[in-house]
């Protein structure tokens, strides 16, 4: 088994802006959406619409208490991450592939996958600049913790009720958080 030891980075405004520029996420933060609202009116702007094929939207609470990235994969539609949580829980990490799922699968098969194909975010809770975002459809990602003997990490996701998860078969690779 080949260990991909990925060093985590802090969820900073700059890191999240870079992920957005790469088309992997949509940031939900103060002063992000700038559009006109004439005096005396309330206006709105569509961020995205979910695909109807996967059912109506729902809000789920997620508890993460595993060190393996066993749930790493892709969803065929967007999902919103709300990293509202308690900093005194297990440290949680969000691994995001910086390559699309086809390239990821090709590199796994050709034995050319490397640490530089991922960003490992140390999840930051309750920060309006970084803790709320949309994971775009088909972006490979997954969560795990590093066990420090604390209660499980938690966060919220809104997604379509029937949204499937296509797990990534890492073959001979194993993603690991480098602490």
N, C-alpha and C. Protein backbone atom coordinates (compact mmCIF):
# COMPACT_ATOMS: atom_id res chain seq x y z
N UNK A 1 0.86 -1.18 0.00
CA UNK A 1 0.00 0.00 0.00
C UNK A 1 0.89 1.23 0.00
N UNK A 2 0.63 2.15 -0.90
CA UNK A 2 1.39 3.40 -0.98
C UNK A 2 0.68 4.48 -0.17
N UNK A 3 1.39 5.07 0.78
CA UNK A 3 0.84 6.13 1.61
C UNK A 3 1.04 7.47 0.93
N UNK A 4 -0.03 8.19 0.70
CA UNK A 4 0.07 9.58 0.26
C UNK A 4 -0.07 10.43 1.50
N UNK A 5 1.04 10.87 2.05
CA UNK A 5 1.07 11.68 3.28
C UNK A 5 0.90 13.13 2.87
N UNK A 6 -0.28 13.68 3.09
CA UNK A 6 -0.60 15.03 2.63
C UNK A 6 -0.57 15.98 3.81
N UNK A 7 0.24 17.01 3.70
CA UNK A 7 0.33 18.02 4.77
C UNK A 7 -0.88 18.92 4.71
N UNK A 8 -1.55 19.09 5.84
CA UNK A 8 -2.74 19.96 5.84
C UNK A 8 -2.36 21.42 5.75
N UNK A 9 -3.29 22.19 5.19
CA UNK A 9 -3.16 23.65 5.15
C UNK A 9 -4.35 24.23 5.90
N UNK A 10 -4.17 25.41 6.42
CA UNK A 10 -5.26 26.09 7.11
C UNK A 10 -6.30 26.55 6.09
N UNK A 11 -7.55 26.56 6.50
CA UNK A 11 -8.63 27.11 5.68
C UNK A 11 -8.57 28.62 5.82
N UNK A 12 -7.80 29.25 4.96
CA UNK A 12 -7.70 30.71 4.97
C UNK A 12 -8.52 31.27 3.81
N UNK A 13 -8.77 32.53 3.85
CA UNK A 13 -9.49 33.21 2.77
C UNK A 13 -8.78 32.97 1.44
N UNK A 14 -7.44 33.06 1.46
CA UNK A 14 -6.66 32.91 0.23
C UNK A 14 -6.74 31.48 -0.32
N UNK A 15 -6.67 30.49 0.57
CA UNK A 15 -6.77 29.10 0.13
C UNK A 15 -8.14 28.85 -0.48
N UNK A 16 -9.19 29.33 0.17
CA UNK A 16 -10.54 29.12 -0.34
C UNK A 16 -10.77 29.88 -1.65
N UNK A 17 -10.19 31.07 -1.77
CA UNK A 17 -10.29 31.81 -3.03
C UNK A 17 -9.59 31.05 -4.16
N UNK A 18 -8.47 30.41 -3.86
CA UNK A 18 -7.77 29.62 -4.86
C UNK A 18 -8.62 28.43 -5.30
N UNK A 19 -9.25 27.74 -4.35
CA UNK A 19 -10.11 26.61 -4.70
C UNK A 19 -11.29 27.07 -5.56
N UNK A 20 -11.80 28.25 -5.26
CA UNK A 20 -12.89 28.79 -6.07
C UNK A 20 -12.40 29.15 -7.47
N UNK A 21 -11.23 29.74 -7.57
CA UNK A 21 -10.66 30.10 -8.88
C UNK A 21 -10.42 28.85 -9.74
N UNK A 22 -10.16 27.72 -9.09
CA UNK A 22 -9.94 26.46 -9.80
C UNK A 22 -11.27 25.80 -10.20
N UNK A 23 -12.40 26.39 -9.77
CA UNK A 23 -13.71 25.85 -10.10
C UNK A 23 -14.14 24.68 -9.24
N UNK A 24 -13.52 24.50 -8.06
CA UNK A 24 -13.84 23.37 -7.20
C UNK A 24 -14.93 23.69 -6.19
N UNK A 25 -15.03 24.94 -5.76
CA UNK A 25 -16.03 25.35 -4.77
C UNK A 25 -16.63 26.68 -5.18
N UNK A 26 -17.71 27.06 -4.50
CA UNK A 26 -18.28 28.41 -4.56
C UNK A 26 -18.27 28.91 -3.12
N UNK A 27 -17.57 29.98 -2.86
CA UNK A 27 -17.50 30.51 -1.50
C UNK A 27 -18.83 31.17 -1.13
N UNK A 28 -19.24 30.99 0.12
CA UNK A 28 -20.41 31.64 0.69
C UNK A 28 -19.89 32.47 1.85
N UNK A 29 -19.60 33.73 1.60
CA UNK A 29 -18.93 34.56 2.61
C UNK A 29 -19.33 36.03 2.45
N UNK A 30 -19.02 36.84 3.44
CA UNK A 30 -19.38 38.25 3.38
C UNK A 30 -18.80 38.94 2.14
N UNK A 31 -19.60 39.79 1.53
CA UNK A 31 -19.20 40.61 0.39
C UNK A 31 -18.80 39.82 -0.85
N UNK A 32 -19.23 38.59 -0.95
CA UNK A 32 -18.89 37.78 -2.12
C UNK A 32 -19.81 38.08 -3.29
N UNK A 33 -21.09 38.17 -3.01
CA UNK A 33 -22.08 38.42 -4.07
C UNK A 33 -22.35 39.92 -4.12
N UNK A 34 -21.88 40.55 -5.15
CA UNK A 34 -22.08 41.99 -5.31
C UNK A 34 -22.99 42.22 -6.52
N UNK A 35 -24.22 42.64 -6.25
CA UNK A 35 -25.13 43.01 -7.33
C UNK A 35 -26.05 44.09 -6.82
N UNK A 36 -26.69 44.76 -7.73
CA UNK A 36 -27.46 45.95 -7.40
C UNK A 36 -28.81 45.59 -6.75
N UNK A 37 -29.18 46.38 -5.77
CA UNK A 37 -30.50 46.32 -5.17
C UNK A 37 -30.98 47.77 -5.09
N UNK A 38 -31.79 48.21 -6.05
CA UNK A 38 -32.25 49.60 -6.04
C UNK A 38 -32.97 49.95 -4.74
N UNK A 39 -32.84 51.18 -4.34
CA UNK A 39 -33.48 51.65 -3.11
C UNK A 39 -34.97 51.31 -3.14
N UNK A 40 -35.44 50.77 -2.04
CA UNK A 40 -36.84 50.40 -1.92
C UNK A 40 -37.17 49.02 -2.46
N UNK A 41 -36.16 48.26 -2.93
CA UNK A 41 -36.40 46.93 -3.49
C UNK A 41 -35.52 45.89 -2.81
N UNK A 42 -35.97 44.66 -2.86
CA UNK A 42 -35.16 43.52 -2.48
C UNK A 42 -34.97 42.69 -3.73
N UNK A 43 -33.72 42.38 -4.05
CA UNK A 43 -33.44 41.59 -5.25
C UNK A 43 -32.70 40.31 -4.85
N UNK A 44 -32.62 39.40 -5.78
CA UNK A 44 -31.89 38.16 -5.52
C UNK A 44 -31.14 37.73 -6.76
N UNK A 45 -30.16 36.89 -6.55
CA UNK A 45 -29.34 36.36 -7.64
C UNK A 45 -29.20 34.86 -7.44
N UNK A 46 -29.43 34.09 -8.47
CA UNK A 46 -29.32 32.64 -8.40
C UNK A 46 -27.85 32.24 -8.30
N UNK A 47 -27.52 31.43 -7.29
CA UNK A 47 -26.15 30.89 -7.14
C UNK A 47 -26.03 29.62 -7.99
N UNK A 48 -26.99 28.73 -7.85
CA UNK A 48 -27.12 27.54 -8.67
C UNK A 48 -28.45 26.89 -8.33
N UNK A 49 -28.93 26.02 -9.19
CA UNK A 49 -30.12 25.24 -8.90
C UNK A 49 -29.74 23.77 -8.90
N UNK A 50 -30.24 23.02 -7.92
CA UNK A 50 -29.92 21.60 -7.89
C UNK A 50 -30.62 20.87 -9.05
N UNK A 51 -30.04 19.75 -9.44
CA UNK A 51 -30.63 18.92 -10.49
C UNK A 51 -31.84 18.18 -9.90
N UNK A 52 -32.96 18.27 -10.57
CA UNK A 52 -34.20 17.67 -10.06
C UNK A 52 -34.13 16.15 -10.00
N UNK A 53 -33.23 15.53 -10.75
CA UNK A 53 -33.12 14.07 -10.79
C UNK A 53 -32.83 13.46 -9.42
N UNK A 54 -32.26 14.24 -8.51
CA UNK A 54 -31.80 13.70 -7.23
C UNK A 54 -32.70 14.09 -6.06
N UNK A 55 -33.91 14.55 -6.34
CA UNK A 55 -34.88 14.84 -5.30
C UNK A 55 -34.74 16.23 -4.72
N UNK A 56 -35.62 16.56 -3.76
CA UNK A 56 -35.61 17.88 -3.13
C UNK A 56 -34.40 18.04 -2.22
N UNK A 57 -34.11 19.28 -1.86
CA UNK A 57 -32.98 19.58 -0.98
C UNK A 57 -33.27 19.15 0.45
N UNK A 58 -32.21 18.81 1.17
CA UNK A 58 -32.32 18.46 2.59
C UNK A 58 -31.09 18.98 3.33
N UNK A 59 -31.20 19.08 4.62
CA UNK A 59 -30.10 19.48 5.50
C UNK A 59 -29.77 18.29 6.37
N UNK A 60 -28.49 17.89 6.38
CA UNK A 60 -28.08 16.77 7.22
C UNK A 60 -26.94 17.20 8.14
N UNK A 61 -26.88 16.58 9.30
CA UNK A 61 -25.78 16.79 10.23
C UNK A 61 -24.87 15.58 10.12
N UNK A 62 -23.58 15.82 10.03
CA UNK A 62 -22.61 14.74 9.83
C UNK A 62 -21.64 14.69 11.01
N UNK A 63 -21.39 13.48 11.50
CA UNK A 63 -20.40 13.24 12.55
C UNK A 63 -19.28 12.43 11.93
N UNK A 64 -18.05 12.87 12.08
CA UNK A 64 -16.90 12.19 11.50
C UNK A 64 -16.03 11.67 12.64
N UNK A 65 -15.83 10.36 12.66
CA UNK A 65 -15.02 9.75 13.71
C UNK A 65 -14.18 8.61 13.13
N UNK A 66 -13.67 8.80 11.91
CA UNK A 66 -12.79 7.79 11.32
C UNK A 66 -11.56 8.49 10.72
N UNK A 67 -10.44 7.81 10.84
CA UNK A 67 -9.19 8.38 10.34
C UNK A 67 -8.96 8.08 8.87
N UNK A 68 -9.64 7.08 8.35
CA UNK A 68 -9.50 6.73 6.94
C UNK A 68 -10.43 7.60 6.09
N UNK A 69 -10.00 7.87 4.88
CA UNK A 69 -10.82 8.63 3.93
C UNK A 69 -11.69 7.66 3.13
N UNK A 70 -12.40 6.78 3.86
CA UNK A 70 -13.20 5.71 3.24
C UNK A 70 -14.38 6.26 2.46
N UNK A 71 -14.84 7.47 2.76
CA UNK A 71 -15.97 8.06 2.05
C UNK A 71 -15.53 9.03 0.96
N UNK A 72 -14.27 8.96 0.53
CA UNK A 72 -13.77 9.88 -0.50
C UNK A 72 -14.41 9.52 -1.84
N UNK A 73 -14.99 10.52 -2.49
CA UNK A 73 -15.63 10.25 -3.77
C UNK A 73 -16.21 11.51 -4.39
N UNK A 74 -17.16 11.32 -5.28
CA UNK A 74 -17.79 12.43 -5.98
C UNK A 74 -19.31 12.30 -5.91
N UNK A 75 -19.96 13.44 -6.01
CA UNK A 75 -21.41 13.52 -6.11
C UNK A 75 -21.75 14.13 -7.47
N UNK A 76 -22.83 13.70 -8.11
CA UNK A 76 -23.18 14.24 -9.43
C UNK A 76 -23.84 15.63 -9.38
N UNK A 77 -24.01 16.19 -8.19
CA UNK A 77 -24.56 17.54 -8.07
C UNK A 77 -23.85 18.24 -6.91
N UNK A 78 -24.05 19.54 -6.83
CA UNK A 78 -23.43 20.35 -5.78
C UNK A 78 -23.97 19.98 -4.40
N UNK A 79 -23.17 20.28 -3.37
CA UNK A 79 -23.62 20.18 -1.99
C UNK A 79 -22.96 21.30 -1.21
N UNK A 80 -23.71 21.84 -0.24
CA UNK A 80 -23.20 22.95 0.56
C UNK A 80 -22.63 22.45 1.87
N UNK A 81 -21.44 22.93 2.20
CA UNK A 81 -20.79 22.61 3.47
C UNK A 81 -20.99 23.78 4.42
N UNK A 82 -21.51 23.51 5.59
CA UNK A 82 -21.64 24.50 6.66
C UNK A 82 -20.79 23.98 7.81
N UNK A 83 -19.59 24.48 7.93
CA UNK A 83 -18.67 24.02 8.98
C UNK A 83 -18.92 24.80 10.26
N UNK A 84 -20.09 24.52 10.81
CA UNK A 84 -20.49 25.07 12.10
C UNK A 84 -20.20 23.97 13.10
N UNK A 85 -19.33 24.23 14.04
CA UNK A 85 -18.98 23.16 14.94
C UNK A 85 -18.20 23.63 16.15
N UNK A 86 -17.73 22.66 16.89
CA UNK A 86 -17.02 22.86 18.14
C UNK A 86 -15.54 22.57 17.91
N UNK A 87 -14.69 23.54 18.14
CA UNK A 87 -13.26 23.37 17.94
C UNK A 87 -12.65 22.38 18.92
N UNK A 88 -13.38 21.99 19.97
CA UNK A 88 -12.86 21.05 20.96
C UNK A 88 -13.19 19.60 20.62
N UNK A 89 -13.57 19.33 19.37
CA UNK A 89 -13.80 17.96 18.91
C UNK A 89 -12.54 17.46 18.20
N UNK A 90 -12.61 16.25 17.67
CA UNK A 90 -11.48 15.71 16.91
C UNK A 90 -11.14 16.68 15.78
N UNK A 91 -9.86 16.91 15.50
CA UNK A 91 -9.53 17.75 14.35
C UNK A 91 -10.00 17.06 13.06
N UNK A 92 -10.72 17.80 12.23
CA UNK A 92 -11.26 17.24 10.99
C UNK A 92 -10.52 17.82 9.80
N UNK A 93 -10.35 16.96 8.80
CA UNK A 93 -9.64 17.34 7.58
C UNK A 93 -10.51 17.02 6.38
N UNK A 94 -10.48 17.93 5.40
CA UNK A 94 -11.22 17.76 4.16
C UNK A 94 -10.19 17.68 3.04
N UNK A 95 -10.09 16.50 2.43
CA UNK A 95 -9.19 16.31 1.29
C UNK A 95 -9.98 16.58 0.02
N UNK A 96 -9.40 17.41 -0.85
CA UNK A 96 -10.03 17.74 -2.13
C UNK A 96 -9.01 17.48 -3.23
N UNK A 97 -9.41 16.71 -4.24
CA UNK A 97 -8.53 16.49 -5.38
C UNK A 97 -8.48 17.77 -6.21
N UNK A 98 -7.29 18.12 -6.63
CA UNK A 98 -7.10 19.30 -7.47
C UNK A 98 -7.20 18.93 -8.95
N UNK A 99 -7.53 17.68 -9.20
CA UNK A 99 -7.70 17.17 -10.56
C UNK A 99 -9.10 16.57 -10.65
N UNK A 100 -9.62 16.47 -11.88
CA UNK A 100 -10.97 15.92 -12.03
C UNK A 100 -10.95 14.40 -11.79
N UNK A 101 -12.13 13.83 -11.65
CA UNK A 101 -12.21 12.41 -11.26
C UNK A 101 -11.64 11.48 -12.33
N UNK A 102 -11.76 11.85 -13.61
CA UNK A 102 -11.20 11.00 -14.66
C UNK A 102 -9.68 10.98 -14.57
N UNK A 103 -9.07 12.16 -14.37
CA UNK A 103 -7.62 12.23 -14.22
C UNK A 103 -7.18 11.50 -12.95
N UNK A 104 -7.94 11.66 -11.87
CA UNK A 104 -7.64 10.96 -10.63
C UNK A 104 -7.62 9.46 -10.86
N UNK A 105 -8.66 8.93 -11.50
CA UNK A 105 -8.73 7.49 -11.77
C UNK A 105 -7.61 7.04 -12.69
N UNK A 106 -7.27 7.84 -13.71
CA UNK A 106 -6.16 7.51 -14.61
C UNK A 106 -4.84 7.43 -13.86
N UNK A 107 -4.62 8.39 -12.95
CA UNK A 107 -3.35 8.40 -12.20
C UNK A 107 -3.28 7.24 -11.21
N UNK A 108 -4.42 6.85 -10.65
CA UNK A 108 -4.43 5.68 -9.78
C UNK A 108 -4.05 4.45 -10.59
N UNK A 109 -4.69 4.28 -11.77
CA UNK A 109 -4.44 3.12 -12.61
C UNK A 109 -3.01 3.08 -13.16
N UNK A 110 -2.45 4.26 -13.48
CA UNK A 110 -1.10 4.31 -14.05
C UNK A 110 -0.01 4.44 -12.98
N UNK A 111 -0.43 4.42 -11.71
CA UNK A 111 0.50 4.49 -10.58
C UNK A 111 1.32 5.79 -10.58
N UNK A 112 0.65 6.90 -10.93
CA UNK A 112 1.32 8.20 -10.98
C UNK A 112 0.68 9.23 -10.06
N UNK A 113 -0.18 8.79 -9.15
CA UNK A 113 -0.86 9.69 -8.22
C UNK A 113 0.16 10.22 -7.22
N UNK A 114 0.03 11.51 -6.86
CA UNK A 114 0.97 12.09 -5.90
C UNK A 114 0.26 13.03 -4.93
N UNK A 115 0.97 13.39 -3.88
CA UNK A 115 0.44 14.31 -2.87
C UNK A 115 0.03 15.64 -3.50
N UNK A 116 0.72 16.06 -4.54
CA UNK A 116 0.42 17.36 -5.16
C UNK A 116 -0.91 17.36 -5.91
N UNK A 117 -1.56 16.21 -6.03
CA UNK A 117 -2.87 16.13 -6.67
C UNK A 117 -4.01 16.49 -5.72
N UNK A 118 -3.67 16.82 -4.46
CA UNK A 118 -4.67 17.07 -3.43
C UNK A 118 -4.33 18.32 -2.62
N UNK A 119 -5.38 18.88 -2.02
CA UNK A 119 -5.21 19.84 -0.94
C UNK A 119 -5.90 19.21 0.27
N UNK A 120 -5.24 19.32 1.42
CA UNK A 120 -5.78 18.77 2.66
C UNK A 120 -6.08 19.96 3.57
N UNK A 121 -7.37 20.29 3.69
CA UNK A 121 -7.77 21.42 4.52
C UNK A 121 -7.97 21.00 5.97
N UNK A 122 -7.34 21.71 6.88
CA UNK A 122 -7.66 21.54 8.31
C UNK A 122 -8.92 22.38 8.50
N UNK A 123 -10.04 21.73 8.75
CA UNK A 123 -11.33 22.41 8.77
C UNK A 123 -11.35 23.46 9.89
N UNK A 124 -11.79 24.63 9.50
CA UNK A 124 -11.95 25.74 10.44
C UNK A 124 -13.44 25.98 10.61
N UNK A 125 -13.88 25.96 11.84
CA UNK A 125 -15.30 26.13 12.14
C UNK A 125 -15.66 27.59 12.37
N UNK A 126 -16.90 27.90 12.03
CA UNK A 126 -17.57 29.14 12.46
C UNK A 126 -16.92 30.42 11.95
N UNK A 127 -16.18 30.36 10.87
CA UNK A 127 -15.52 31.54 10.32
C UNK A 127 -16.25 31.94 9.04
N UNK A 128 -16.92 33.09 9.03
CA UNK A 128 -17.70 33.47 7.85
C UNK A 128 -16.88 33.62 6.57
N UNK A 129 -15.57 33.77 6.68
CA UNK A 129 -14.73 33.89 5.49
C UNK A 129 -14.43 32.56 4.83
N UNK A 130 -14.47 31.44 5.58
CA UNK A 130 -14.00 30.17 5.02
C UNK A 130 -14.88 28.96 5.31
N UNK A 131 -15.75 29.02 6.29
CA UNK A 131 -16.43 27.83 6.79
C UNK A 131 -17.70 27.44 6.04
N UNK A 132 -18.10 28.21 5.05
CA UNK A 132 -19.34 27.95 4.33
C UNK A 132 -19.06 28.02 2.84
N UNK A 133 -19.35 26.92 2.13
CA UNK A 133 -19.04 26.89 0.70
C UNK A 133 -19.83 25.79 0.02
N UNK A 134 -19.88 25.85 -1.29
CA UNK A 134 -20.53 24.84 -2.12
C UNK A 134 -19.43 23.99 -2.74
N UNK A 135 -19.49 22.68 -2.52
CA UNK A 135 -18.60 21.76 -3.22
C UNK A 135 -19.26 21.49 -4.56
N UNK A 136 -18.57 21.81 -5.61
CA UNK A 136 -19.15 21.64 -6.94
C UNK A 136 -19.31 20.16 -7.30
N UNK A 137 -20.28 19.90 -8.16
CA UNK A 137 -20.54 18.54 -8.63
C UNK A 137 -19.28 17.93 -9.23
N UNK A 138 -19.11 16.64 -8.99
CA UNK A 138 -18.05 15.82 -9.57
C UNK A 138 -16.64 16.14 -9.06
N UNK A 139 -16.52 16.97 -8.00
CA UNK A 139 -15.20 17.25 -7.41
C UNK A 139 -14.90 16.16 -6.39
N UNK A 140 -13.83 15.40 -6.58
CA UNK A 140 -13.48 14.34 -5.63
C UNK A 140 -13.07 14.93 -4.27
N UNK A 141 -13.68 14.42 -3.20
CA UNK A 141 -13.40 14.94 -1.87
C UNK A 141 -13.82 13.94 -0.80
N UNK A 142 -13.32 14.15 0.41
CA UNK A 142 -13.70 13.31 1.53
C UNK A 142 -13.17 13.87 2.84
N UNK A 143 -13.76 13.42 3.94
CA UNK A 143 -13.42 13.91 5.27
C UNK A 143 -12.86 12.79 6.13
N UNK A 144 -12.00 13.18 7.07
CA UNK A 144 -11.48 12.25 8.08
C UNK A 144 -11.01 13.06 9.28
N UNK A 145 -10.72 12.36 10.36
CA UNK A 145 -10.22 13.01 11.57
C UNK A 145 -8.83 12.46 11.88
N UNK A 146 -8.16 13.12 12.80
CA UNK A 146 -6.97 12.57 13.44
C UNK A 146 -7.37 12.39 14.89
N UNK A 147 -7.19 11.18 15.41
CA UNK A 147 -7.70 10.86 16.74
C UNK A 147 -6.85 11.49 17.84
N UNK A 148 -7.46 12.42 18.55
CA UNK A 148 -6.85 13.06 19.70
C UNK A 148 -7.65 12.77 20.97
N UNK A 149 -8.51 11.74 20.90
CA UNK A 149 -9.28 11.34 22.06
C UNK A 149 -10.39 12.30 22.44
N UNK A 150 -10.89 13.03 21.49
CA UNK A 150 -11.97 13.99 21.73
C UNK A 150 -13.28 13.47 21.13
N UNK A 151 -14.38 14.18 21.37
CA UNK A 151 -15.64 13.78 20.72
C UNK A 151 -15.53 13.90 19.19
N UNK A 152 -16.37 13.17 18.45
CA UNK A 152 -16.32 13.21 16.99
C UNK A 152 -16.52 14.63 16.44
N UNK A 153 -15.89 14.90 15.32
CA UNK A 153 -16.08 16.16 14.61
C UNK A 153 -17.47 16.17 13.98
N UNK A 154 -18.01 17.36 13.75
CA UNK A 154 -19.34 17.47 13.16
C UNK A 154 -19.43 18.70 12.27
N UNK A 155 -20.32 18.62 11.30
CA UNK A 155 -20.64 19.76 10.43
C UNK A 155 -21.96 19.46 9.75
N UNK A 156 -22.44 20.40 8.96
CA UNK A 156 -23.72 20.26 8.26
C UNK A 156 -23.50 20.28 6.75
N UNK A 157 -24.38 19.58 6.05
CA UNK A 157 -24.38 19.58 4.59
C UNK A 157 -25.82 19.73 4.13
N UNK A 158 -26.03 20.58 3.13
CA UNK A 158 -27.31 20.58 2.44
C UNK A 158 -27.05 19.99 1.06
N UNK A 159 -27.94 19.12 0.65
CA UNK A 159 -27.77 18.41 -0.61
C UNK A 159 -29.13 17.88 -1.05
N UNK A 160 -29.18 17.34 -2.24
CA UNK A 160 -30.39 16.70 -2.71
C UNK A 160 -30.62 15.41 -1.92
N UNK A 161 -31.88 15.13 -1.63
CA UNK A 161 -32.24 13.96 -0.82
C UNK A 161 -31.69 12.66 -1.40
N UNK A 162 -31.72 12.50 -2.71
CA UNK A 162 -31.34 11.23 -3.34
C UNK A 162 -29.96 11.29 -4.00
N UNK A 163 -29.11 12.20 -3.51
CA UNK A 163 -27.79 12.39 -4.12
C UNK A 163 -26.88 11.20 -3.83
N UNK A 164 -26.44 10.50 -4.86
CA UNK A 164 -25.55 9.36 -4.63
C UNK A 164 -24.10 9.82 -4.44
N UNK A 165 -23.31 8.96 -3.84
CA UNK A 165 -21.88 9.17 -3.68
C UNK A 165 -21.17 8.07 -4.44
N UNK A 166 -20.33 8.46 -5.40
CA UNK A 166 -19.52 7.49 -6.14
C UNK A 166 -18.15 7.45 -5.48
N UNK A 167 -17.87 6.36 -4.76
CA UNK A 167 -16.61 6.24 -4.05
C UNK A 167 -15.43 6.07 -5.00
N UNK A 168 -14.31 6.63 -4.63
CA UNK A 168 -13.07 6.49 -5.40
C UNK A 168 -12.37 5.22 -4.95
N UNK A 169 -12.01 4.37 -5.90
CA UNK A 169 -11.22 3.18 -5.61
C UNK A 169 -9.75 3.57 -5.73
N UNK A 170 -9.10 3.74 -4.58
CA UNK A 170 -7.70 4.17 -4.57
C UNK A 170 -6.72 3.05 -4.88
N UNK A 171 -7.21 1.84 -5.07
CA UNK A 171 -6.29 0.74 -5.40
C UNK A 171 -5.22 0.59 -4.34
N UNK A 172 -3.97 0.76 -4.75
CA UNK A 172 -2.82 0.58 -3.86
C UNK A 172 -2.46 1.83 -3.07
N UNK A 173 -3.28 2.89 -3.16
CA UNK A 173 -2.99 4.14 -2.47
C UNK A 173 -3.84 4.29 -1.22
N UNK A 174 -3.31 5.04 -0.27
CA UNK A 174 -4.03 5.36 0.96
C UNK A 174 -3.75 6.82 1.30
N UNK A 175 -4.78 7.64 1.40
CA UNK A 175 -4.61 9.04 1.80
C UNK A 175 -4.43 9.11 3.30
N UNK A 176 -3.46 9.89 3.73
CA UNK A 176 -3.18 10.06 5.15
C UNK A 176 -2.87 11.52 5.44
N UNK A 177 -3.32 12.00 6.59
CA UNK A 177 -3.00 13.35 7.04
C UNK A 177 -1.60 13.34 7.64
N UNK A 178 -0.75 14.21 7.14
CA UNK A 178 0.59 14.35 7.71
C UNK A 178 0.49 15.43 8.81
N UNK A 179 0.64 14.99 10.06
CA UNK A 179 0.56 15.96 11.17
C UNK A 179 1.94 16.42 11.56
